[in-house]
PDB file of all heavy atoms in Angstrom:
ATOM      1  N   LEU A   1     -11.025  -7.180  -8.663  1.00  0.00           N
ATOM      2  CA  LEU A   1     -10.340  -7.278  -7.369  1.00  0.00           C
ATOM      3  C   LEU A   1     -10.709  -6.064  -6.506  1.00  0.00           C
ATOM      4  O   LEU A   1     -10.839  -4.907  -6.995  1.00  0.00           O
ATOM      5  CB  LEU A   1      -8.842  -7.274  -7.588  1.00  0.00           C
ATOM      6  CG  LEU A   1      -8.215  -8.540  -8.181  1.00  0.00           C
ATOM      7  CD1 LEU A   1      -6.771  -8.282  -8.475  1.00  0.00           C
ATOM      8  CD2 LEU A   1      -8.420  -9.777  -7.278  1.00  0.00           C
ATOM      9  N   ASN A   2     -10.829  -6.346  -5.229  1.00  0.00           N
ATOM     10  CA  ASN A   2     -11.051  -5.227  -4.267  1.00  0.00           C
ATOM     11  C   ASN A   2      -9.682  -4.681  -3.910  1.00  0.00           C
ATOM     12  O   ASN A   2      -8.924  -5.318  -3.198  1.00  0.00           O
ATOM     13  CB  ASN A   2     -11.783  -5.719  -3.001  1.00  0.00           C
ATOM     14  CG  ASN A   2     -11.876  -4.658  -1.980  1.00  0.00           C
ATOM     15  OD1 ASN A   2     -11.502  -3.522  -2.193  1.00  0.00           O
ATOM     16  ND2 ASN A   2     -12.450  -4.991  -0.797  1.00  0.00           N
ATOM     17  N   THR A   3      -9.327  -3.545  -4.485  1.00  0.00           N
ATOM     18  CA  THR A   3      -7.933  -3.022  -4.371  1.00  0.00           C
ATOM     19  C   THR A   3      -7.801  -1.880  -3.392  1.00  0.00           C
ATOM     20  O   THR A   3      -6.777  -1.213  -3.252  1.00  0.00           O
ATOM     21  CB  THR A   3      -7.390  -2.676  -5.689  1.00  0.00           C
ATOM     22  OG1 THR A   3      -8.246  -1.747  -6.257  1.00  0.00           O
ATOM     23  CG2 THR A   3      -7.277  -3.862  -6.542  1.00  0.00           C
ATOM     24  N   GLY A   4      -8.925  -1.554  -2.661  1.00  0.00           N
ATOM     25  CA  GLY A   4      -8.822  -0.491  -1.686  1.00  0.00           C
ATOM     26  C   GLY A   4      -9.583   0.749  -2.070  1.00  0.00           C
ATOM     27  O   GLY A   4      -9.505   1.218  -3.185  1.00  0.00           O
ATOM     28  N   LEU A   5     -10.358   1.264  -1.131  1.00  0.00           N
ATOM     29  CA  LEU A   5     -11.135   2.500  -1.379  1.00  0.00           C
ATOM     30  C   LEU A   5     -10.243   3.707  -1.498  1.00  0.00           C
ATOM     31  O   LEU A   5      -9.263   3.911  -0.784  1.00  0.00           O
ATOM     32  CB  LEU A   5     -12.060   2.706  -0.136  1.00  0.00           C
ATOM     33  CG  LEU A   5     -13.054   3.876  -0.190  1.00  0.00           C
ATOM     34  CD1 LEU A   5     -13.988   3.620  -1.414  1.00  0.00           C
ATOM     35  CD2 LEU A   5     -13.780   3.985   1.056  1.00  0.00           C
ATOM     36  N   GLY A   6     -10.401   4.478  -2.545  1.00  0.00           N
ATOM     37  CA  GLY A   6      -9.668   5.687  -2.825  1.00  0.00           C
ATOM     38  C   GLY A   6      -8.294   5.347  -3.474  1.00  0.00           C
ATOM     39  O   GLY A   6      -7.491   6.259  -3.510  1.00  0.00           O
ATOM     40  N   LYS A   7      -8.000   4.167  -3.809  1.00  0.00           N
ATOM     41  CA  LYS A   7      -6.707   3.823  -4.357  1.00  0.00           C
ATOM     42  C   LYS A   7      -6.867   3.532  -5.810  1.00  0.00           C
ATOM     43  O   LYS A   7      -7.977   3.118  -6.380  1.00  0.00           O
ATOM     44  CB  LYS A   7      -6.224   2.481  -3.651  1.00  0.00           C
ATOM     45  CG  LYS A   7      -5.812   2.743  -2.234  1.00  0.00           C
ATOM     46  CD  LYS A   7      -5.349   1.445  -1.610  1.00  0.00           C
ATOM     47  CE  LYS A   7      -4.186   0.830  -2.264  1.00  0.00           C
ATOM     48  NZ  LYS A   7      -2.923   1.572  -2.322  1.00  0.00           N
ATOM     49  N   ARG A   8      -5.735   3.642  -6.526  1.00  0.00           N
ATOM     50  CA  ARG A   8      -5.737   3.182  -7.947  1.00  0.00           C
ATOM     51  C   ARG A   8      -5.769   1.724  -8.001  1.00  0.00           C
ATOM     52  O   ARG A   8      -5.080   1.032  -7.153  1.00  0.00           O
ATOM     53  CB  ARG A   8      -4.469   3.839  -8.606  1.00  0.00           C
ATOM     54  CG  ARG A   8      -4.633   5.303  -8.802  1.00  0.00           C
ATOM     55  CD  ARG A   8      -3.420   6.032  -9.284  1.00  0.00           C
ATOM     56  NE  ARG A   8      -2.756   5.331 -10.426  1.00  0.00           N
ATOM     57  CZ  ARG A   8      -1.484   5.239 -10.548  1.00  0.00           C
ATOM     58  NH1 ARG A   8      -0.623   5.895  -9.762  1.00  0.00           N
ATOM     59  NH2 ARG A   8      -0.935   4.644 -11.629  1.00  0.00           N
ATOM     60  N   LYS A   9      -6.425   1.131  -8.974  1.00  0.00           N
ATOM     61  CA  LYS A   9      -6.459  -0.325  -9.108  1.00  0.00           C
ATOM     62  C   LYS A   9      -5.033  -0.949  -9.239  1.00  0.00           C
ATOM     63  O   LYS A   9      -4.734  -1.968  -8.673  1.00  0.00           O
ATOM     64  CB  LYS A   9      -7.304  -0.703 -10.319  1.00  0.00           C
ATOM     65  CG  LYS A   9      -8.757  -0.687 -10.193  1.00  0.00           C
ATOM     66  CD  LYS A   9      -9.199  -1.923  -9.438  1.00  0.00           C
ATOM     67  CE  LYS A   9     -10.718  -2.030  -9.427  1.00  0.00           C
ATOM     68  NZ  LYS A   9     -11.094  -3.091  -8.508  1.00  0.00           N
ATOM     69  N   LEU A  10      -4.214  -0.328 -10.116  1.00  0.00           N
ATOM     70  CA  LEU A  10      -2.941  -0.795 -10.377  1.00  0.00           C
ATOM     71  C   LEU A  10      -1.939   0.286 -10.388  1.00  0.00           C
ATOM     72  O   LEU A  10      -2.056   1.277 -11.167  1.00  0.00           O
ATOM     73  CB  LEU A  10      -2.998  -1.579 -11.749  1.00  0.00           C
ATOM     74  CG  LEU A  10      -1.693  -2.110 -12.243  1.00  0.00           C
ATOM     75  CD1 LEU A  10      -1.027  -3.110 -11.260  1.00  0.00           C
ATOM     76  CD2 LEU A  10      -1.796  -2.760 -13.605  1.00  0.00           C
ATOM     77  N   GLU A  11      -0.996   0.251  -9.440  1.00  0.00           N
ATOM     78  CA  GLU A  11      -0.050   1.245  -9.297  1.00  0.00           C
ATOM     79  C   GLU A  11       1.331   1.038  -9.971  1.00  0.00           C
ATOM     80  O   GLU A  11       2.088   1.938 -10.300  1.00  0.00           O
ATOM     81  CB  GLU A  11       0.116   1.665  -7.823  1.00  0.00           C
ATOM     82  CG  GLU A  11      -1.123   2.156  -7.225  1.00  0.00           C
ATOM     83  CD  GLU A  11      -1.093   2.218  -5.771  1.00  0.00           C
ATOM     84  OE1 GLU A  11      -1.389   1.196  -5.096  1.00  0.00           O
ATOM     85  OE2 GLU A  11      -0.772   3.272  -5.166  1.00  0.00           O
ATOM     86  N   LEU A  12       1.689  -0.264  -9.995  1.00  0.00           N
ATOM     87  CA  LEU A  12       3.008  -0.648 -10.442  1.00  0.00           C
ATOM     88  C   LEU A  12       2.989  -1.969 -11.105  1.00  0.00           C
ATOM     89  O   LEU A  12       2.332  -2.931 -10.648  1.00  0.00           O
ATOM     90  CB  LEU A  12       3.949  -0.726  -9.165  1.00  0.00           C
ATOM     91  CG  LEU A  12       5.397  -1.179  -9.415  1.00  0.00           C
ATOM     92  CD1 LEU A  12       6.163  -0.223 -10.344  1.00  0.00           C
ATOM     93  CD2 LEU A  12       6.109  -1.308  -8.116  1.00  0.00           C
ATOM     94  N   ILE A  13       3.735  -2.078 -12.222  1.00  0.00           N
ATOM     95  CA  ILE A  13       3.967  -3.360 -12.908  1.00  0.00           C
ATOM     96  C   ILE A  13       5.426  -3.624 -12.819  1.00  0.00           C
ATOM     97  O   ILE A  13       6.236  -2.734 -13.123  1.00  0.00           O
ATOM     98  CB  ILE A  13       3.458  -3.322 -14.375  1.00  0.00           C
ATOM     99  CG1 ILE A  13       1.958  -3.171 -14.454  1.00  0.00           C
ATOM    100  CG2 ILE A  13       3.942  -4.586 -15.089  1.00  0.00           C
ATOM    101  CD1 ILE A  13       1.443  -2.899 -15.864  1.00  0.00           C
ATOM    102  N   ILE A  14       5.792  -4.849 -12.490  1.00  0.00           N
ATOM    103  CA  ILE A  14       7.213  -5.320 -12.411  1.00  0.00           C
ATOM    104  C   ILE A  14       7.256  -6.446 -13.497  1.00  0.00           C
ATOM    105  O   ILE A  14       6.489  -7.440 -13.281  1.00  0.00           O
ATOM    106  CB  ILE A  14       7.617  -5.777 -11.097  1.00  0.00           C
ATOM    107  CG1 ILE A  14       7.543  -4.617 -10.057  1.00  0.00           C
ATOM    108  CG2 ILE A  14       9.132  -6.252 -11.089  1.00  0.00           C
ATOM    109  CD1 ILE A  14       7.810  -4.909  -8.635  1.00  0.00           C
ATOM    110  N   LEU A  15       8.152  -6.397 -14.338  1.00  0.00           N
ATOM    111  CA  LEU A  15       8.364  -7.512 -15.321  1.00  0.00           C
ATOM    112  C   LEU A  15       9.560  -8.388 -14.797  1.00  0.00           C
ATOM    113  O   LEU A  15      10.610  -7.808 -14.594  1.00  0.00           O
ATOM    114  CB  LEU A  15       8.700  -7.001 -16.721  1.00  0.00           C
ATOM    115  CG  LEU A  15       7.593  -6.162 -17.368  1.00  0.00           C
ATOM    116  CD1 LEU A  15       7.999  -5.673 -18.767  1.00  0.00           C
ATOM    117  CD2 LEU A  15       6.280  -6.987 -17.484  1.00  0.00           C
ATOM    118  N   THR A  16       9.361  -9.676 -14.724  1.00  0.00           N
ATOM    119  CA  THR A  16      10.487 -10.544 -14.319  1.00  0.00           C
ATOM    120  C   THR A  16      11.467 -10.697 -15.396  1.00  0.00           C
ATOM    121  O   THR A  16      12.635 -10.958 -15.204  1.00  0.00           O
ATOM    122  CB  THR A  16       9.968 -11.919 -13.890  1.00  0.00           C
ATOM    123  OG1 THR A  16       9.248 -12.494 -14.971  1.00  0.00           O
ATOM    124  CG2 THR A  16       9.083 -11.809 -12.625  1.00  0.00           C
ATOM    125  N   HIS A  17      11.039 -10.491 -16.615  1.00  0.00           N
ATOM    126  CA  HIS A  17      11.879 -10.327 -17.859  1.00  0.00           C
ATOM    127  C   HIS A  17      10.979  -9.932 -19.016  1.00  0.00           C
ATOM    128  O   HIS A  17       9.746  -9.965 -18.835  1.00  0.00           O
ATOM    129  CB  HIS A  17      12.680 -11.643 -18.149  1.00  0.00           C
ATOM    130  CG  HIS A  17      11.875 -12.844 -18.458  1.00  0.00           C
ATOM    131  ND1 HIS A  17      11.120 -13.470 -17.549  1.00  0.00           N
ATOM    132  CD2 HIS A  17      11.683 -13.447 -19.664  1.00  0.00           C
ATOM    133  CE1 HIS A  17      10.489 -14.597 -18.170  1.00  0.00           C
ATOM    134  NE2 HIS A  17      10.786 -14.544 -19.478  1.00  0.00           N
ATOM    135  N   GLU A  18      11.510  -9.510 -20.127  1.00  0.00           N
ATOM    136  CA  GLU A  18      10.683  -8.950 -21.142  1.00  0.00           C
ATOM    137  C   GLU A  18      10.308  -9.830 -22.273  1.00  0.00           C
ATOM    138  O   GLU A  18       9.895  -9.341 -23.320  1.00  0.00           O
ATOM    139  CB  GLU A  18      11.403  -7.653 -21.642  1.00  0.00           C
ATOM    140  CG  GLU A  18      11.341  -6.594 -20.629  1.00  0.00           C
ATOM    141  CD  GLU A  18      11.598  -5.213 -21.104  1.00  0.00           C
ATOM    142  OE1 GLU A  18      10.869  -4.750 -21.949  1.00  0.00           O
ATOM    143  OE2 GLU A  18      12.552  -4.559 -20.730  1.00  0.00           O
ATOM    144  N   HIS A  19      10.364 -11.142 -22.134  1.00  0.00           N
ATOM    145  CA  HIS A  19       9.784 -12.001 -23.202  1.00  0.00           C
ATOM    146  C   HIS A  19       8.325 -11.694 -23.362  1.00  0.00           C
ATOM    147  O   HIS A  19       7.615 -11.415 -22.423  1.00  0.00           O
ATOM    148  CB  HIS A  19      10.042 -13.481 -22.797  1.00  0.00           C
ATOM    149  CG  HIS A  19      11.433 -13.908 -23.021  1.00  0.00           C
ATOM    150  ND1 HIS A  19      11.879 -15.096 -22.442  1.00  0.00           N
ATOM    151  CD2 HIS A  19      12.501 -13.331 -23.578  1.00  0.00           C
ATOM    152  CE1 HIS A  19      13.164 -15.273 -22.674  1.00  0.00           C
ATOM    153  NE2 HIS A  19      13.533 -14.181 -23.423  1.00  0.00           N
ATOM    154  N   PHE A  20       7.861 -11.835 -24.563  1.00  0.00           N
ATOM    155  CA  PHE A  20       6.402 -11.393 -24.928  1.00  0.00           C
ATOM    156  C   PHE A  20       5.422 -12.144 -24.098  1.00  0.00           C
ATOM    157  O   PHE A  20       4.307 -11.555 -23.852  1.00  0.00           O
ATOM    158  CB  PHE A  20       6.194 -11.549 -26.410  1.00  0.00           C
ATOM    159  CG  PHE A  20       6.034 -13.052 -26.822  1.00  0.00           C
ATOM    160  CD1 PHE A  20       4.700 -13.524 -27.061  1.00  0.00           C
ATOM    161  CD2 PHE A  20       7.064 -13.859 -27.085  1.00  0.00           C
ATOM    162  CE1 PHE A  20       4.510 -14.841 -27.431  1.00  0.00           C
ATOM    163  CE2 PHE A  20       6.890 -15.168 -27.489  1.00  0.00           C
ATOM    164  CZ  PHE A  20       5.622 -15.664 -27.619  1.00  0.00           C
ATOM    165  N   ASP A  21       5.558 -13.400 -23.650  1.00  0.00           N
ATOM    166  CA  ASP A  21       4.558 -14.057 -22.877  1.00  0.00           C
ATOM    167  C   ASP A  21       4.532 -13.515 -21.442  1.00  0.00           C
ATOM    168  O   ASP A  21       3.570 -13.781 -20.735  1.00  0.00           O
ATOM    169  CB  ASP A  21       4.868 -15.584 -22.844  1.00  0.00           C
ATOM    170  CG  ASP A  21       6.208 -16.000 -22.396  1.00  0.00           C
ATOM    171  OD1 ASP A  21       7.250 -15.338 -22.713  1.00  0.00           O
ATOM    172  OD2 ASP A  21       6.295 -16.956 -21.679  1.00  0.00           O
ATOM    173  N   HIS A  22       5.516 -12.742 -21.032  1.00  0.00           N
ATOM    174  CA  HIS A  22       5.419 -12.119 -19.734  1.00  0.00           C
ATOM    175  C   HIS A  22       5.050 -10.619 -19.824  1.00  0.00           C
ATOM    176  O   HIS A  22       4.689 -10.038 -18.766  1.00  0.00           O
ATOM    177  CB  HIS A  22       6.807 -12.200 -19.069  1.00  0.00           C
ATOM    178  CG  HIS A  22       7.144 -13.589 -18.597  1.00  0.00           C
ATOM    179  ND1 HIS A  22       7.013 -14.042 -17.266  1.00  0.00           N
ATOM    180  CD2 HIS A  22       7.514 -14.673 -19.340  1.00  0.00           C
ATOM    181  CE1 HIS A  22       7.340 -15.291 -17.184  1.00  0.00           C
ATOM    182  NE2 HIS A  22       7.635 -15.707 -18.375  1.00  0.00           N
ATOM    183  N   SER A  23       5.191  -9.997 -20.984  1.00  0.00           N
ATOM    184  CA  SER A  23       5.023  -8.494 -21.081  1.00  0.00           C
ATOM    185  C   SER A  23       4.013  -8.100 -22.110  1.00  0.00           C
ATOM    186  O   SER A  23       3.895  -6.953 -22.366  1.00  0.00           O
ATOM    187  CB  SER A  23       6.369  -7.927 -21.332  1.00  0.00           C
ATOM    188  OG  SER A  23       6.893  -8.328 -22.572  1.00  0.00           O
ATOM    189  N   GLY A  24       3.287  -9.085 -22.732  1.00  0.00           N
ATOM    190  CA  GLY A  24       2.457  -8.765 -23.873  1.00  0.00           C
ATOM    191  C   GLY A  24       1.359  -7.732 -23.597  1.00  0.00           C
ATOM    192  O   GLY A  24       0.980  -6.961 -24.581  1.00  0.00           O
ATOM    193  N   MET A  25       0.808  -7.711 -22.432  1.00  0.00           N
ATOM    194  CA  MET A  25      -0.250  -6.800 -22.076  1.00  0.00           C
ATOM    195  C   MET A  25       0.214  -5.478 -21.495  1.00  0.00           C
ATOM    196  O   MET A  25      -0.594  -4.619 -21.085  1.00  0.00           O
ATOM    197  CB  MET A  25      -1.287  -7.445 -21.152  1.00  0.00           C
ATOM    198  CG  MET A  25      -2.092  -8.569 -21.805  1.00  0.00           C
ATOM    199  SD  MET A  25      -3.259  -7.907 -23.134  1.00  0.00           S
ATOM    200  CE  MET A  25      -4.299  -6.843 -22.222  1.00  0.00           C
ATOM    201  N   LEU A  26       1.583  -5.217 -21.463  1.00  0.00           N
ATOM    202  CA  LEU A  26       2.060  -4.098 -20.766  1.00  0.00           C
ATOM    203  C   LEU A  26       1.546  -2.756 -21.349  1.00  0.00           C
ATOM    204  O   LEU A  26       1.082  -1.942 -20.597  1.00  0.00           O
ATOM    205  CB  LEU A  26       3.600  -4.045 -20.837  1.00  0.00           C
ATOM    206  CG  LEU A  26       4.253  -2.859 -20.159  1.00  0.00           C
ATOM    207  CD1 LEU A  26       3.969  -2.832 -18.679  1.00  0.00           C
ATOM    208  CD2 LEU A  26       5.823  -2.955 -20.343  1.00  0.00           C
ATOM    209  N   ALA A  27       1.557  -2.619 -22.629  1.00  0.00           N
ATOM    210  CA  ALA A  27       1.079  -1.330 -23.288  1.00  0.00           C
ATOM    211  C   ALA A  27      -0.365  -1.078 -22.969  1.00  0.00           C
ATOM    212  O   ALA A  27      -0.729   0.078 -22.541  1.00  0.00           O
ATOM    213  CB  ALA A  27       1.314  -1.377 -24.804  1.00  0.00           C
ATOM    214  N   LYS A  28      -1.230  -2.095 -23.098  1.00  0.00           N
ATOM    215  CA  LYS A  28      -2.678  -1.904 -22.837  1.00  0.00           C
ATOM    216  C   LYS A  28      -2.941  -1.623 -21.356  1.00  0.00           C
ATOM    217  O   LYS A  28      -3.716  -0.704 -21.036  1.00  0.00           O
ATOM    218  CB  LYS A  28      -3.462  -3.178 -23.244  1.00  0.00           C
ATOM    219  CG  LYS A  28      -4.939  -3.033 -23.181  1.00  0.00           C
ATOM    220  CD  LYS A  28      -5.444  -2.018 -24.187  1.00  0.00           C
ATOM    221  CE  LYS A  28      -6.919  -1.950 -24.289  1.00  0.00           C
ATOM    222  NZ  LYS A  28      -7.364  -0.901 -25.175  1.00  0.00           N
ATOM    223  N   LEU A  29      -2.259  -2.274 -20.408  1.00  0.00           N
ATOM    224  CA  LEU A  29      -2.400  -1.994 -19.009  1.00  0.00           C
ATOM    225  C   LEU A  29      -1.967  -0.689 -18.618  1.00  0.00           C
ATOM    226  O   LEU A  29      -2.570   0.014 -17.828  1.00  0.00           O
ATOM    227  CB  LEU A  29      -1.784  -3.123 -18.121  1.00  0.00           C
ATOM    228  CG  LEU A  29      -2.350  -4.539 -18.287  1.00  0.00           C
ATOM    229  CD1 LEU A  29      -1.554  -5.493 -17.521  1.00  0.00           C
ATOM    230  CD2 LEU A  29      -3.808  -4.531 -17.855  1.00  0.00           C
ATOM    231  N   LYS A  30      -0.892  -0.215 -19.243  1.00  0.00           N
ATOM    232  CA  LYS A  30      -0.355   1.139 -18.993  1.00  0.00           C
ATOM    233  C   LYS A  30      -1.458   2.203 -19.470  1.00  0.00           C
ATOM    234  O   LYS A  30      -1.657   3.208 -18.814  1.00  0.00           O
ATOM    235  CB  LYS A  30       0.979   1.393 -19.617  1.00  0.00           C
ATOM    236  CG  LYS A  30       2.126   0.666 -18.747  1.00  0.00           C
ATOM    237  CD  LYS A  30       3.491   1.196 -19.141  1.00  0.00           C
ATOM    238  CE  LYS A  30       3.551   2.528 -18.540  1.00  0.00           C
ATOM    239  NZ  LYS A  30       4.900   3.049 -18.471  1.00  0.00           N
TER     240      LYS A  30
END
């Protein structure tokens, strides 16, 4: 994704709830 020059690719993750199918990649992405 083109996320902006000089910006971090991903700045914030919001979980709609913590079931594993919604949050399974959280540790790796962090």
